[in-house]
Structure formats: C-alpha cells, structure tokens
Amino acid sequence: MTTSDLKILSMNEINENLSRTSDWIVEDNGKSIIKNFDFSSFNGAVEFINEVAKVAEFEGHHPDLRLYGYKNVEVKLTTHAVSGLTQKDFDVAFGVDGIGWKE
C-alpha cells in the first residue's frame, strides 16, 4: 500500500468518486460509505458476501459486512488506519458494483 492509498479524500474527491458508483451514500460525516443489498434468499445473500470477499482480497482492503434480516447485506467502507475515506474504499466500492449480482 502506498502513501497515496492512505490519503484522506476531500469532499470534492469523495463526490467525484460517488458519481462513478451506484447507490453508495456517505455516512459518519464523510468518514465512510455504505450500500445495502437485498436478496430473495439467505443463500443469495451469503453467496454475495463471498463475492465481496473476493473483491476485498484482490484490492487488499476489507469492508465491514453485515448480514441482517436473513437476506439483506450492508457493505460499509472506511479506512480505519486514517479514520476516513481513501481511494482504496472507492476501489472496493467499484469492484462491488462490478459484481453484477443477479439472483
């Protein structure tokens, strides 16, 4: 990981990256982004989590994942080391958006 990977993004940079994502929202006063996914089954939600894990491992940056209501998944991204959003968070978000999940 390079120093630029750990640079906290400005609000302009956050908004620019958000414009390239699908339905992610900023939370925690600009320190994280979050997106919720709804599936028709528990198995679909778990399979999606496994796909997110592959993206996270590839990017070397791991989201907080929450399975709730048995078929819903929340993906939350932040860079804990700097207590804010970095480009790594958006790289994972782009990868998650690219999963193209269809259940």
PDB file of N, CA and C in Angstrom:
ATOM      1  N   MET A   1       0.853  -1.174   0.000  1.00  0.00           N
ATOM      2  CA  MET A   1       0.000   0.000   0.000  1.00  0.00           C
ATOM      3  C   MET A   1       0.895   1.232   0.000  1.00  0.00           C
ATOM      4  N   THR A   2       0.596   2.176  -0.854  1.00  0.00           N
ATOM      5  CA  THR A   2       1.404   3.387  -0.940  1.00  0.00           C
ATOM      6  C   THR A   2       0.803   4.492  -0.071  1.00  0.00           C
ATOM      7  N   THR A   3       1.599   5.553   0.129  1.00  0.00           N
ATOM      8  CA  THR A   3       1.122   6.689   0.913  1.00  0.00           C
ATOM      9  C   THR A   3      -0.118   7.304   0.291  1.00  0.00           C
ATOM     10  N   SER A   4      -0.199   7.344  -1.038  1.00  0.00           N
ATOM     11  CA  SER A   4      -1.376   7.929  -1.694  1.00  0.00           C
ATOM     12  C   SER A   4      -2.632   7.104  -1.425  1.00  0.00           C
ATOM     13  N   ASP A   5      -2.476   5.802  -1.177  1.00  0.00           N
ATOM     14  CA  ASP A   5      -3.626   4.959  -0.833  1.00  0.00           C
ATOM     15  C   ASP A   5      -4.229   5.372   0.503  1.00  0.00           C
ATOM     16  N   LEU A   6      -3.431   5.973   1.378  1.00  0.00           N
ATOM     17  CA  LEU A   6      -3.890   6.334   2.709  1.00  0.00           C
ATOM     18  C   LEU A   6      -4.187   7.826   2.853  1.00  0.00           C
ATOM     19  N   LYS A   7      -4.219   8.541   1.746  1.00  0.00           N
ATOM     20  CA  LYS A   7      -4.565   9.960   1.793  1.00  0.00           C
ATOM     21  C   LYS A   7      -6.075  10.095   1.939  1.00  0.00           C
ATOM     22  N   ILE A   8      -6.487  10.817   2.978  1.00  0.00           N
ATOM     23  CA  ILE A   8      -7.924  11.059   3.160  1.00  0.00           C
ATOM     24  C   ILE A   8      -8.412  11.930   2.009  1.00  0.00           C
ATOM     25  N   LEU A   9      -9.509  11.524   1.410  1.00  0.00           N
ATOM     26  CA  LEU A   9     -10.065  12.255   0.273  1.00  0.00           C
ATOM     27  C   LEU A   9     -10.808  13.501   0.736  1.00  0.00           C
ATOM     28  N   SER A  10     -10.725  14.551  -0.070  1.00  0.00           N
ATOM     29  CA  SER A  10     -11.504  15.767   0.180  1.00  0.00           C
ATOM     30  C   SER A  10     -12.960  15.491  -0.179  1.00  0.00           C
ATOM     31  N   MET A  11     -13.852  16.361   0.250  1.00  0.00           N
ATOM     32  CA  MET A  11     -15.259  16.183  -0.091  1.00  0.00           C
ATOM     33  C   MET A  11     -15.465  16.242  -1.605  1.00  0.00           C
ATOM     34  N   ASN A  12     -14.700  17.066  -2.305  1.00  0.00           N
ATOM     35  CA  ASN A  12     -14.796  17.095  -3.773  1.00  0.00           C
ATOM     36  C   ASN A  12     -14.383  15.754  -4.374  1.00  0.00           C
ATOM     37  N   GLU A  13     -13.300  15.169  -3.862  1.00  0.00           N
ATOM     38  CA  GLU A  13     -12.848  13.870  -4.356  1.00  0.00           C
ATOM     39  C   GLU A  13     -13.864  12.775  -4.016  1.00  0.00           C
ATOM     40  N   ILE A  14     -14.453  12.856  -2.839  1.00  0.00           N
ATOM     41  CA  ILE A  14     -15.483  11.890  -2.454  1.00  0.00           C
ATOM     42  C   ILE A  14     -16.663  11.986  -3.409  1.00  0.00           C
ATOM     43  N   ASN A  15     -17.134  13.202  -3.661  1.00  0.00           N
ATOM     44  CA  ASN A  15     -18.279  13.387  -4.561  1.00  0.00           C
ATOM     45  C   ASN A  15     -17.964  12.934  -5.983  1.00  0.00           C
ATOM     46  N   GLU A  16     -16.751  13.181  -6.435  1.00  0.00           N
ATOM     47  CA  GLU A  16     -16.351  12.731  -7.773  1.00  0.00           C
ATOM     48  C   GLU A  16     -16.396  11.205  -7.858  1.00  0.00           C
ATOM     49  N   ASN A  17     -15.864  10.542  -6.844  1.00  0.00           N
ATOM     50  CA  ASN A  17     -15.904   9.073  -6.814  1.00  0.00           C
ATOM     51  C   ASN A  17     -17.335   8.558  -6.682  1.00  0.00           C
ATOM     52  N   LEU A  18     -18.142   9.207  -5.846  1.00  0.00           N
ATOM     53  CA  LEU A  18     -19.538   8.785  -5.686  1.00  0.00           C
ATOM     54  C   LEU A  18     -20.292   8.827  -7.005  1.00  0.00           C
ATOM     55  N   SER A  19     -19.972   9.805  -7.846  1.00  0.00           N
ATOM     56  CA  SER A  19     -20.662   9.937  -9.135  1.00  0.00           C
ATOM     57  C   SER A  19     -20.373   8.749 -10.047  1.00  0.00           C
ATOM     58  N   ARG A  20     -19.319   7.985  -9.726  1.00  0.00           N
ATOM     59  CA  ARG A  20     -18.947   6.819 -10.528  1.00  0.00           C
ATOM     60  C   ARG A  20     -19.428   5.509  -9.904  1.00  0.00           C
ATOM     61  N   THR A  21     -20.182   5.613  -8.796  1.00  0.00           N
ATOM     62  CA  THR A  21     -20.700   4.422  -8.131  1.00  0.00           C
ATOM     63  C   THR A  21     -22.212   4.361  -8.303  1.00  0.00           C
ATOM     64  N   SER A  22     -22.778   3.284  -7.807  1.00  0.00           N
ATOM     65  CA  SER A  22     -24.213   3.091  -7.886  1.00  0.00           C
ATOM     66  C   SER A  22     -24.805   2.971  -6.478  1.00  0.00           C
ATOM     67  N   ASP A  23     -25.500   4.007  -6.035  1.00  0.00           N
ATOM     68  CA  ASP A  23     -26.275   3.987  -4.793  1.00  0.00           C
ATOM     69  C   ASP A  23     -25.480   3.923  -3.498  1.00  0.00           C
ATOM     70  N   TRP A  24     -24.211   4.244  -3.510  1.00  0.00           N
ATOM     71  CA  TRP A  24     -23.459   4.347  -2.265  1.00  0.00           C
ATOM     72  C   TRP A  24     -23.771   5.697  -1.632  1.00  0.00           C
ATOM     73  N   ILE A  25     -23.828   5.740  -0.313  1.00  0.00           N
ATOM     74  CA  ILE A  25     -24.076   7.010   0.378  1.00  0.00           C
ATOM     75  C   ILE A  25     -22.978   7.251   1.410  1.00  0.00           C
ATOM     76  N   VAL A  26     -22.731   8.521   1.668  1.00  0.00           N
ATOM     77  CA  VAL A  26     -21.718   8.924   2.642  1.00  0.00           C
ATOM     78  C   VAL A  26     -22.343   8.933   4.030  1.00  0.00           C
ATOM     79  N   GLU A  27     -21.597   8.420   4.986  1.00  0.00           N
ATOM     80  CA  GLU A  27     -22.027   8.416   6.385  1.00  0.00           C
ATOM     81  C   GLU A  27     -20.889   8.888   7.265  1.00  0.00           C
ATOM     82  N   ASP A  28     -21.201   9.047   8.539  1.00  0.00           N
ATOM     83  CA  ASP A  28     -20.192   9.384   9.553  1.00  0.00           C
ATOM     84  C   ASP A  28     -19.426  10.664   9.209  1.00  0.00           C
ATOM     85  N   ASN A  29     -20.165  11.683   8.768  1.00  0.00           N
ATOM     86  CA  ASN A  29     -19.543  12.969   8.421  1.00  0.00           C
ATOM     87  C   ASN A  29     -18.412  12.820   7.405  1.00  0.00           C
ATOM     88  N   GLY A  30     -18.642  12.014   6.389  1.00  0.00           N
ATOM     89  CA  GLY A  30     -17.664  11.859   5.315  1.00  0.00           C
ATOM     90  C   GLY A  30     -16.563  10.863   5.608  1.00  0.00           C
ATOM     91  N   LYS A  31     -16.717  10.062   6.658  1.00  0.00           N
ATOM     92  CA  LYS A  31     -15.673   9.105   7.018  1.00  0.00           C
ATOM     93  C   LYS A  31     -15.925   7.700   6.491  1.00  0.00           C
ATOM     94  N   SER A  32     -17.123   7.448   5.952  1.00  0.00           N
ATOM     95  CA  SER A  32     -17.413   6.117   5.414  1.00  0.00           C
ATOM     96  C   SER A  32     -18.470   6.215   4.318  1.00  0.00           C
ATOM     97  N   ILE A  33     -18.540   5.148   3.524  1.00  0.00           N
ATOM     98  CA  ILE A  33     -19.614   4.997   2.547  1.00  0.00           C
ATOM     99  C   ILE A  33     -20.284   3.668   2.814  1.00  0.00           C
ATOM    100  N   ILE A  34     -21.560   3.614   2.471  1.00  0.00           N
ATOM    101  CA  ILE A  34     -22.357   2.430   2.790  1.00  0.00           C
ATOM    102  C   ILE A  34     -23.338   2.147   1.658  1.00  0.00           C
ATOM    103  N   LYS A  35     -23.626   0.864   1.476  1.00  0.00           N
ATOM    104  CA  LYS A  35     -24.630   0.463   0.499  1.00  0.00           C
ATOM    105  C   LYS A  35     -25.301  -0.808   1.006  1.00  0.00           C
ATOM    106  N   ASN A  36     -26.609  -0.873   0.829  1.00  0.00           N
ATOM    107  CA  ASN A  36     -27.389  -2.043   1.235  1.00  0.00           C
ATOM    108  C   ASN A  36     -27.860  -2.809   0.010  1.00  0.00           C
ATOM    109  N   PHE A  37     -27.848  -4.121   0.128  1.00  0.00           N
ATOM    110  CA  PHE A  37     -28.264  -5.019  -0.940  1.00  0.00           C
ATOM    111  C   PHE A  37     -29.347  -5.931  -0.396  1.00  0.00           C
ATOM    112  N   ASP A  38     -30.395  -6.138  -1.169  1.00  0.00           N
ATOM    113  CA  ASP A  38     -31.497  -7.008  -0.778  1.00  0.00           C
ATOM    114  C   ASP A  38     -31.551  -8.194  -1.731  1.00  0.00           C
ATOM    115  N   PHE A  39     -31.702  -9.393  -1.150  1.00  0.00           N
ATOM    116  CA  PHE A  39     -31.757 -10.620  -1.927  1.00  0.00           C
ATOM    117  C   PHE A  39     -33.047 -11.356  -1.623  1.00  0.00           C
ATOM    118  N   SER A  40     -33.367 -12.322  -2.430  1.00  0.00           N
ATOM    119  CA  SER A  40     -34.607 -13.070  -2.215  1.00  0.00           C
ATOM    120  C   SER A  40     -34.427 -14.254  -1.276  1.00  0.00           C
ATOM    121  N   SER A  41     -33.173 -14.535  -0.919  1.00  0.00           N
ATOM    122  CA  SER A  41     -32.935 -15.676  -0.039  1.00  0.00           C
ATOM    123  C   SER A  41     -31.675 -15.469   0.788  1.00  0.00           C
ATOM    124  N   PHE A  42     -31.577 -16.242   1.856  1.00  0.00           N
ATOM    125  CA  PHE A  42     -30.386 -16.269   2.695  1.00  0.00           C
ATOM    126  C   PHE A  42     -29.173 -16.713   1.877  1.00  0.00           C
ATOM    127  N   ASN A  43     -29.340 -17.777   1.095  1.00  0.00           N
ATOM    128  CA  ASN A  43     -28.222 -18.285   0.289  1.00  0.00           C
ATOM    129  C   ASN A  43     -27.708 -17.241  -0.695  1.00  0.00           C
ATOM    130  N   GLY A  44     -28.612 -16.498  -1.308  1.00  0.00           N
ATOM    131  CA  GLY A  44     -28.194 -15.439  -2.223  1.00  0.00           C
ATOM    132  C   GLY A  44     -27.362 -14.389  -1.526  1.00  0.00           C
ATOM    133  N   ALA A  45     -27.776 -14.008  -0.317  1.00  0.00           N
ATOM    134  CA  ALA A  45     -27.038 -13.001   0.454  1.00  0.00           C
ATOM    135  C   ALA A  45     -25.646 -13.517   0.817  1.00  0.00           C
ATOM    136  N   VAL A  46     -25.562 -14.771   1.247  1.00  0.00           N
ATOM    137  CA  VAL A  46     -24.275 -15.347   1.634  1.00  0.00           C
ATOM    138  C   VAL A  46     -23.355 -15.492   0.417  1.00  0.00           C
ATOM    139  N   GLU A  47     -23.901 -15.919  -0.698  1.00  0.00           N
ATOM    140  CA  GLU A  47     -23.090 -16.019  -1.918  1.00  0.00           C
ATOM    141  C   GLU A  47     -22.554 -14.651  -2.331  1.00  0.00           C
ATOM    142  N   PHE A  48     -23.362 -13.617  -2.179  1.00  0.00           N
ATOM    143  CA  PHE A  48     -22.918 -12.259  -2.485  1.00  0.00           C
ATOM    144  C   PHE A  48     -21.766 -11.860  -1.558  1.00  0.00           C
ATOM    145  N   ILE A  49     -21.899 -12.148  -0.271  1.00  0.00           N
ATOM    146  CA  ILE A  49     -20.827 -11.836   0.674  1.00  0.00           C
ATOM    147  C   ILE A  49     -19.526 -12.511   0.233  1.00  0.00           C
ATOM    148  N   ASN A  50     -19.616 -13.736  -0.226  1.00  0.00           N
ATOM    149  CA  ASN A  50     -18.416 -14.434  -0.701  1.00  0.00           C
ATOM    150  C   ASN A  50     -17.798 -13.731  -1.915  1.00  0.00           C
ATOM    151  N   GLU A  51     -18.624 -13.200  -2.791  1.00  0.00           N
ATOM    152  CA  GLU A  51     -18.115 -12.442  -3.947  1.00  0.00           C
ATOM    153  C   GLU A  51     -17.465 -11.135  -3.492  1.00  0.00           C
ATOM    154  N   VAL A  52     -18.070 -10.473  -2.518  1.00  0.00           N
ATOM    155  CA  VAL A  52     -17.479  -9.244  -1.958  1.00  0.00           C
ATOM    156  C   VAL A  52     -16.114  -9.571  -1.345  1.00  0.00           C
ATOM    157  N   ALA A  53     -16.018 -10.703  -0.679  1.00  0.00           N
ATOM    158  CA  ALA A  53     -14.743 -11.116  -0.080  1.00  0.00           C
ATOM    159  C   ALA A  53     -13.653 -11.261  -1.140  1.00  0.00           C
ATOM    160  N   LYS A  54     -13.996 -11.781  -2.298  1.00  0.00           N
ATOM    161  CA  LYS A  54     -13.018 -11.912  -3.383  1.00  0.00           C
ATOM    162  C   LYS A  54     -12.523 -10.544  -3.842  1.00  0.00           C
ATOM    163  N   VAL A  55     -13.450  -9.587  -3.981  1.00  0.00           N
ATOM    164  CA  VAL A  55     -13.072  -8.224  -4.359  1.00  0.00           C
ATOM    165  C   VAL A  55     -12.149  -7.631  -3.301  1.00  0.00           C
ATOM    166  N   ALA A  56     -12.529  -7.789  -2.034  1.00  0.00           N
ATOM    167  CA  ALA A  56     -11.743  -7.226  -0.937  1.00  0.00           C
ATOM    168  C   ALA A  56     -10.328  -7.813  -0.907  1.00  0.00           C
ATOM    169  N   GLU A  57     -10.220  -9.101  -1.086  1.00  0.00           N
ATOM    170  CA  GLU A  57      -8.898  -9.736  -1.095  1.00  0.00           C
ATOM    171  C   GLU A  57      -8.065  -9.247  -2.271  1.00  0.00           C
ATOM    172  N   PHE A  58      -8.694  -9.123  -3.434  1.00  0.00           N
ATOM    173  CA  PHE A  58      -7.982  -8.626  -4.609  1.00  0.00           C
ATOM    174  C   PHE A  58      -7.459  -7.212  -4.372  1.00  0.00           C
ATOM    175  N   GLU A  59      -8.281  -6.369  -3.757  1.00  0.00           N
ATOM    176  CA  GLU A  59      -7.902  -4.970  -3.511  1.00  0.00           C
ATOM    177  C   GLU A  59      -7.022  -4.814  -2.266  1.00  0.00           C
ATOM    178  N   GLY A  60      -6.983  -5.837  -1.423  1.00  0.00           N
ATOM    179  CA  GLY A  60      -6.211  -5.724  -0.189  1.00  0.00           C
ATOM    180  C   GLY A  60      -6.809  -4.711   0.772  1.00  0.00           C
ATOM    181  N   HIS A  61      -8.136  -4.608   0.755  1.00  0.00           N
ATOM    182  CA  HIS A  61      -8.835  -3.633   1.597  1.00  0.00           C
ATOM    183  C   HIS A  61     -10.208  -4.216   1.914  1.00  0.00           C
ATOM    184  N   HIS A  62     -10.546  -4.277   3.181  1.00  0.00           N
ATOM    185  CA  HIS A  62     -11.692  -5.074   3.594  1.00  0.00           C
ATOM    186  C   HIS A  62     -12.810  -4.236   4.194  1.00  0.00           C
ATOM    187  N   PRO A  63     -14.033  -4.438   3.713  1.00  0.00           N
ATOM    188  CA  PRO A  63     -15.192  -3.701   4.229  1.00  0.00           C
ATOM    189  C   PRO A  63     -15.731  -4.341   5.503  1.00  0.00           C
ATOM    190  N   ASP A  64     -16.554  -3.576   6.184  1.00  0.00           N
ATOM    191  CA  ASP A  64     -17.377  -4.138   7.244  1.00  0.00           C
ATOM    192  C   ASP A  64     -18.618  -4.689   6.548  1.00  0.00           C
ATOM    193  N   LEU A  65     -18.954  -5.929   6.826  1.00  0.00           N
ATOM    194  CA  LEU A  65     -20.107  -6.586   6.211  1.00  0.00           C
ATOM    195  C   LEU A  65     -21.094  -6.959   7.310  1.00  0.00           C
ATOM    196  N   ARG A  66     -22.372  -6.738   7.011  1.00  0.00           N
ATOM    197  CA  ARG A  66     -23.414  -7.106   7.974  1.00  0.00           C
ATOM    198  C   ARG A  66     -24.546  -7.792   7.231  1.00  0.00           C
ATOM    199  N   LEU A  67     -24.843  -9.004   7.655  1.00  0.00           N
ATOM    200  CA  LEU A  67     -25.991  -9.751   7.144  1.00  0.00           C
ATOM    201  C   LEU A  67     -27.122  -9.527   8.138  1.00  0.00           C
ATOM    202  N   TYR A  68     -28.247  -9.021   7.664  1.00  0.00           N
ATOM    203  CA  TYR A  68     -29.360  -8.744   8.575  1.00  0.00           C
ATOM    204  C   TYR A  68     -30.674  -9.104   7.891  1.00  0.00           C
ATOM    205  N   GLY A  69     -31.690  -9.359   8.720  1.00  0.00           N
ATOM    206  CA  GLY A  69     -32.988  -9.734   8.169  1.00  0.00           C
ATOM    207  C   GLY A  69     -32.886 -10.961   7.286  1.00  0.00           C
ATOM    208  N   TYR A  70     -31.939 -11.792   7.502  1.00  0.00           N
ATOM    209  CA  TYR A  70     -31.617 -13.069   6.849  1.00  0.00           C
ATOM    210  C   TYR A  70     -31.310 -12.981   5.360  1.00  0.00           C
ATOM    211  N   LYS A  71     -31.672 -11.878   4.684  1.00  0.00           N
ATOM    212  CA  LYS A  71     -31.429 -11.820   3.238  1.00  0.00           C
ATOM    213  C   LYS A  71     -30.974 -10.441   2.766  1.00  0.00           C
ATOM    214  N   ASN A  72     -30.486  -9.643   3.704  1.00  0.00           N
ATOM    215  CA  ASN A  72     -30.015  -8.302   3.373  1.00  0.00           C
ATOM    216  C   ASN A  72     -28.560  -8.163   3.792  1.00  0.00           C
ATOM    217  N   VAL A  73     -27.792  -7.450   2.985  1.00  0.00           N
ATOM    218  CA  VAL A  73     -26.374  -7.264   3.264  1.00  0.00           C
ATOM    219  C   VAL A  73     -26.051  -5.778   3.228  1.00  0.00           C
ATOM    220  N   GLU A  74     -25.354  -5.335   4.263  1.00  0.00           N
ATOM    221  CA  GLU A  74     -24.841  -3.968   4.319  1.00  0.00           C
ATOM    222  C   GLU A  74     -23.333  -4.032   4.119  1.00  0.00           C
ATOM    223  N   VAL A  75     -22.831  -3.230   3.192  1.00  0.00           N
ATOM    224  CA  VAL A  75     -21.394  -3.120   2.959  1.00  0.00           C
ATOM    225  C   VAL A  75     -20.990  -1.705   3.361  1.00  0.00           C
ATOM    226  N   LYS A  76     -20.056  -1.608   4.289  1.00  0.00           N
ATOM    227  CA  LYS A  76     -19.594  -0.302   4.771  1.00  0.00           C
ATOM    228  C   LYS A  76     -18.086  -0.231   4.584  1.00  0.00           C
ATOM    229  N   LEU A  77     -17.647   0.867   3.997  1.00  0.00           N
ATOM    230  CA  LEU A  77     -16.230   1.056   3.709  1.00  0.00           C
ATOM    231  C   LEU A  77     -15.690   2.302   4.398  1.00  0.00           C
ATOM    232  N   THR A  78     -14.539   2.149   5.000  1.00  0.00           N
ATOM    233  CA  THR A  78     -13.764   3.249   5.568  1.00  0.00           C
ATOM    234  C   THR A  78     -12.338   2.743   5.682  1.00  0.00           C
ATOM    235  N   THR A  79     -11.399   3.644   5.796  1.00  0.00           N
ATOM    236  CA  THR A  79     -10.018   3.243   6.033  1.00  0.00           C
ATOM    237  C   THR A  79      -9.728   3.511   7.500  1.00  0.00           C
ATOM    238  N   HIS A  80      -9.779   2.449   8.282  1.00  0.00           N
ATOM    239  CA  HIS A  80      -9.638   2.574   9.734  1.00  0.00           C
ATOM    240  C   HIS A  80      -8.313   3.214  10.127  1.00  0.00           C
ATOM    241  N   ALA A  81      -7.253   2.951   9.381  1.00  0.00           N
ATOM    242  CA  ALA A  81      -5.919   3.460   9.727  1.00  0.00           C
ATOM    243  C   ALA A  81      -5.853   4.982   9.740  1.00  0.00           C
ATOM    244  N   VAL A  82      -6.731   5.628   8.953  1.00  0.00           N
ATOM    245  CA  VAL A  82      -6.719   7.100   8.898  1.00  0.00           C
ATOM    246  C   VAL A  82      -8.059   7.700   9.320  1.00  0.00           C
ATOM    247  N   SER A  83      -8.979   6.852   9.751  1.00  0.00           N
ATOM    248  CA  SER A  83     -10.310   7.306  10.200  1.00  0.00           C
ATOM    249  C   SER A  83     -11.009   8.168   9.157  1.00  0.00           C
ATOM    250  N   GLY A  84     -10.998   7.684   7.920  1.00  0.00           N
ATOM    251  CA  GLY A  84     -11.661   8.428   6.853  1.00  0.00           C
ATOM    252  C   GLY A  84     -11.683   7.641   5.565  1.00  0.00           C
ATOM    253  N   LEU A  85     -12.161   8.306   4.518  1.00  0.00           N
ATOM    254  CA  LEU A  85     -12.260   7.681   3.202  1.00  0.00           C
ATOM    255  C   LEU A  85     -10.992   7.926   2.394  1.00  0.00           C
ATOM    256  N   THR A  86     -10.505   6.853   1.782  1.00  0.00           N
ATOM    257  CA  THR A  86      -9.366   6.941   0.879  1.00  0.00           C
ATOM    258  C   THR A  86      -9.774   6.330  -0.459  1.00  0.00           C
ATOM    259  N   GLN A  87      -8.886   6.420  -1.415  1.00  0.00           N
ATOM    260  CA  GLN A  87      -9.192   5.857  -2.729  1.00  0.00           C
ATOM    261  C   GLN A  87      -9.413   4.351  -2.648  1.00  0.00           C
ATOM    262  N   LYS A  88      -8.765   3.685  -1.691  1.00  0.00           N
ATOM    263  CA  LYS A  88      -8.948   2.237  -1.532  1.00  0.00           C
ATOM    264  C   LYS A  88     -10.408   1.897  -1.263  1.00  0.00           C
ATOM    265  N   ASP A  89     -11.106   2.735  -0.493  1.00  0.00           N
ATOM    266  CA  ASP A  89     -12.520   2.476  -0.212  1.00  0.00           C
ATOM    267  C   ASP A  89     -13.330   2.498  -1.500  1.00  0.00           C
ATOM    268  N   PHE A  90     -13.065   3.458  -2.349  1.00  0.00           N
ATOM    269  CA  PHE A  90     -13.807   3.546  -3.599  1.00  0.00           C
ATOM    270  C   PHE A  90     -13.398   2.456  -4.576  1.00  0.00           C
ATOM    271  N   ASP A  91     -12.136   2.045  -4.541  1.00  0.00           N
ATOM    272  CA  ASP A  91     -11.720   0.935  -5.403  1.00  0.00           C
ATOM    273  C   ASP A  91     -12.521  -0.322  -5.064  1.00  0.00           C
ATOM    274  N   VAL A  92     -12.732  -0.565  -3.767  1.00  0.00           N
ATOM    275  CA  VAL A  92     -13.546  -1.715  -3.366  1.00  0.00           C
ATOM    276  C   VAL A  92     -15.000  -1.497  -3.772  1.00  0.00           C
ATOM    277  N   ALA A  93     -15.517  -0.289  -3.570  1.00  0.00           N
ATOM    278  CA  ALA A  93     -16.906   0.008  -3.964  1.00  0.00           C
ATOM    279  C   ALA A  93     -17.104  -0.231  -5.459  1.00  0.00           C
ATOM    280  N   PHE A  94     -16.155   0.211  -6.276  1.00  0.00           N
ATOM    281  CA  PHE A  94     -16.258  -0.018  -7.722  1.00  0.00           C
ATOM    282  C   PHE A  94     -16.268  -1.520  -8.015  1.00  0.00           C
ATOM    283  N   GLY A  95     -15.426  -2.268  -7.316  1.00  0.00           N
ATOM    284  CA  GLY A  95     -15.390  -3.714  -7.502  1.00  0.00           C
ATOM    285  C   GLY A  95     -16.691  -4.384  -7.084  1.00  0.00           C
ATOM    286  N   VAL A  96     -17.266  -3.937  -5.976  1.00  0.00           N
ATOM    287  CA  VAL A  96     -18.538  -4.490  -5.519  1.00  0.00           C
ATOM    288  C   VAL A  96     -19.627  -4.170  -6.535  1.00  0.00           C
ATOM    289  N   ASP A  97     -19.642  -2.932  -7.033  1.00  0.00           N
ATOM    290  CA  ASP A  97     -20.617  -2.572  -8.061  1.00  0.00           C
ATOM    291  C   ASP A  97     -20.442  -3.433  -9.314  1.00  0.00           C
ATOM    292  N   GLY A  98     -19.225  -3.835  -9.582  1.00  0.00           N
ATOM    293  CA  GLY A  98     -18.927  -4.628 -10.777  1.00  0.00           C
ATOM    294  C   GLY A  98     -19.279  -6.100 -10.648  1.00  0.00           C
ATOM    295  N   ILE A  99     -19.647  -6.532  -9.456  1.00  0.00           N
ATOM    296  CA  ILE A  99     -20.024  -7.944  -9.290  1.00  0.00           C
ATOM    297  C   ILE A  99     -21.190  -8.288 -10.203  1.00  0.00           C
ATOM    298  N   GLY A 100     -22.079  -7.326 -10.422  1.00  0.00           N
ATOM    299  CA  GLY A 100     -23.214  -7.569 -11.328  1.00  0.00           C
ATOM    300  C   GLY A 100     -24.101  -8.667 -10.824  1.00  0.00           C
ATOM    301  N   TRP A 101     -24.351  -8.672  -9.544  1.00  0.00           N
ATOM    302  CA  TRP A 101     -25.102  -9.751  -8.918  1.00  0.00           C
ATOM    303  C   TRP A 101     -26.527  -9.812  -9.415  1.00  0.00           C
ATOM    304  N   LYS A 102     -26.900 -10.971  -9.838  1.00  0.00           N
ATOM    305  CA  LYS A 102     -28.282 -11.209 -10.240  1.00  0.00           C
ATOM    306  C   LYS A 102     -28.713 -12.517  -9.577  1.00  0.00           C
ATOM    307  N   GLU A 103     -29.754 -12.432  -8.776  1.00  0.00           N
ATOM    308  CA  GLU A 103     -30.238 -13.632  -8.096  1.00  0.00           C
ATOM    309  C   GLU A 103     -31.502 -14.118  -8.756  1.00  0.00           C
TER     310      GLU A 103
END
